[in-house]
C-alpha atoms as a PDB file:
ATOM      1  CA  MET A   1      73.636 140.564 122.276  1.00  0.00           C
ATOM      2  CA  GLU A   2      74.944 141.315 118.745  1.00  0.00           C
ATOM      3  CA  ILE A   3      75.860 138.282 116.628  1.00  0.00           C
ATOM      4  CA  PRO A   4      77.353 138.065 113.147  1.00  0.00           C
ATOM      5  CA  THR A   5      74.712 137.812 110.469  1.00  0.00           C
ATOM      6  CA  LEU A   6      77.300 136.516 107.934  1.00  0.00           C
ATOM      7  CA  ALA A   7      77.630 132.844 109.174  1.00  0.00           C
ATOM      8  CA  PRO A   8      79.346 129.872 107.392  1.00  0.00           C
ATOM      9  CA  THR A   9      76.049 128.079 107.204  1.00  0.00           C
ATOM     10  CA  LEU A  10      74.610 130.580 104.690  1.00  0.00           C
ATOM     11  CA  THR A  11      74.222 129.451 101.054  1.00  0.00           C
ATOM     12  CA  LEU A  12      75.764 131.633  98.290  1.00  0.00           C
ATOM     13  CA  PRO A  13      72.208 133.040  97.298  1.00  0.00           C
ATOM     14  CA  GLU A  14      71.708 133.948 100.955  1.00  0.00           C
ATOM     15  CA  ILE A  15      75.041 135.722 101.267  1.00  0.00           C
ATOM     16  CA  ASN A  16      74.397 137.732  97.870  1.00  0.00           C
ATOM     17  CA  LYS A  17      70.969 138.726  99.393  1.00  0.00           C
ATOM     18  CA  LEU A  18      72.679 139.867 102.723  1.00  0.00           C
ATOM     19  CA  LEU A  19      75.291 141.830 100.850  1.00  0.00           C
ATOM     20  CA  SER A  20      72.720 143.540  98.649  1.00  0.00           C
ATOM     21  CA  LEU A  21      70.555 144.827 101.587  1.00  0.00           C
ATOM     22  CA  LYS A  22      69.990 148.608 101.804  1.00  0.00           C
ATOM     23  CA  ASN A  23      71.345 150.443 104.961  1.00  0.00           C
ATOM     24  CA  ASP A  24      68.183 150.322 107.013  1.00  0.00           C
ATOM     25  CA  GLU A  25      66.875 147.019 105.489  1.00  0.00           C
ATOM     26  CA  PRO A  26      66.621 144.138 107.922  1.00  0.00           C
ATOM     27  CA  PRO A  27      67.956 140.760 107.019  1.00  0.00           C
ATOM     28  CA  PRO A  28      65.421 138.162 105.943  1.00  0.00           C
ATOM     29  CA  ALA A  29      64.135 135.861 108.751  1.00  0.00           C
ATOM     30  CA  ASP A  30      65.768 132.812 107.281  1.00  0.00           C
ATOM     31  CA  ILE A  31      69.121 134.367 107.386  1.00  0.00           C
ATOM     32  CA  VAL A  32      68.649 135.576 110.995  1.00  0.00           C
ATOM     33  CA  LYS A  33      67.415 132.065 111.908  1.00  0.00           C
ATOM     34  CA  LYS A  34      70.690 130.578 110.587  1.00  0.00           C
ATOM     35  CA  ALA A  35      72.830 133.229 112.185  1.00  0.00           C
ATOM     36  CA  VAL A  36      71.103 132.695 115.599  1.00  0.00           C
ATOM     37  CA  ALA A  37      71.535 128.877 115.295  1.00  0.00           C
ATOM     38  CA  TYR A  38      75.177 129.245 114.397  1.00  0.00           C
ATOM     39  CA  ALA A  39      75.756 131.718 117.373  1.00  0.00           C
ATOM     40  CA  ARG A  40      74.070 129.402 119.840  1.00  0.00           C
ATOM     41  CA  LYS A  41      76.337 126.432 118.476  1.00  0.00           C
ATOM     42  CA  ARG A  42      79.387 128.598 119.145  1.00  0.00           C
ATOM     43  CA  ILE A  43      78.178 129.619 122.563  1.00  0.00           C
ATOM     44  CA  ALA A  44      77.600 126.039 123.514  1.00  0.00           C
ATOM     45  CA  ALA A  45      81.114 124.997 122.386  1.00  0.00           C
ATOM     46  CA  GLY A  46      82.511 127.757 124.619  1.00  0.00           C
ATOM     47  CA  LYS A  47      83.490 130.049 121.817  1.00  0.00           C
ATOM     48  CA  PRO A  48      82.703 133.703 121.185  1.00  0.00           C
ATOM     49  CA  VAL A  49      79.922 134.311 118.753  1.00  0.00           C
ATOM     50  CA  PHE A  50      82.386 136.356 116.432  1.00  0.00           C
ATOM     51  CA  ALA A  51      85.384 134.405 114.907  1.00  0.00           C
ATOM     52  CA  THR A  52      88.630 134.951 116.685  1.00  0.00           C
ATOM     53  CA  PRO A  53      91.684 136.393 114.653  1.00  0.00           C
ATOM     54  CA  GLU A  54      93.254 132.862 114.775  1.00  0.00           C
ATOM     55  CA  GLU A  55      90.022 131.269 113.275  1.00  0.00           C
ATOM     56  CA  SER A  56      90.058 133.955 110.589  1.00  0.00           C
ATOM     57  CA  ALA A  57      93.716 133.251 109.687  1.00  0.00           C
ATOM     58  CA  LYS A  58      93.080 129.682 109.447  1.00  0.00           C
ATOM     59  CA  ALA A  59      90.119 130.210 107.174  1.00  0.00           C
ATOM     60  CA  ILE A  60      92.183 132.405 104.877  1.00  0.00           C
ATOM     61  CA  GLU A  61      95.100 129.801 104.870  1.00  0.00           C
ATOM     62  CA  LYS A  62      92.663 127.065 103.959  1.00  0.00           C
ATOM     63  CA  ARG A  63      91.099 129.105 101.244  1.00  0.00           C
ATOM     64  CA  ASN A  64      94.444 129.899  99.740  1.00  0.00           C
ATOM     65  CA  VAL A  65      95.546 126.278  99.937  1.00  0.00           C
ATOM     66  CA  MET A  66      92.212 125.175  98.104  1.00  0.00           C
ATOM     67  CA  LYS A  67      92.699 127.797  95.164  1.00  0.00           C
ATOM     68  CA  PRO A  68      93.230 126.193  91.911  1.00  0.00           C
ATOM     69  CA  ARG A  69      96.688 126.861  90.419  1.00  0.00           C
END
């Protein structure tokens, strides 16, 4: 089963590390562990492992509301 590696439980340094990986470089074990845990949490809640378009839209709205003006 494929799961997203970029999970909301990652820290900013972990996200930066993930984004800086070379094409064939595997993600670090600590990032994989967090991604698996988050995917299991979503599955247990009856949700798909990848965010739905509705969830993505809500996250964008929330981020736009929280932007400093």
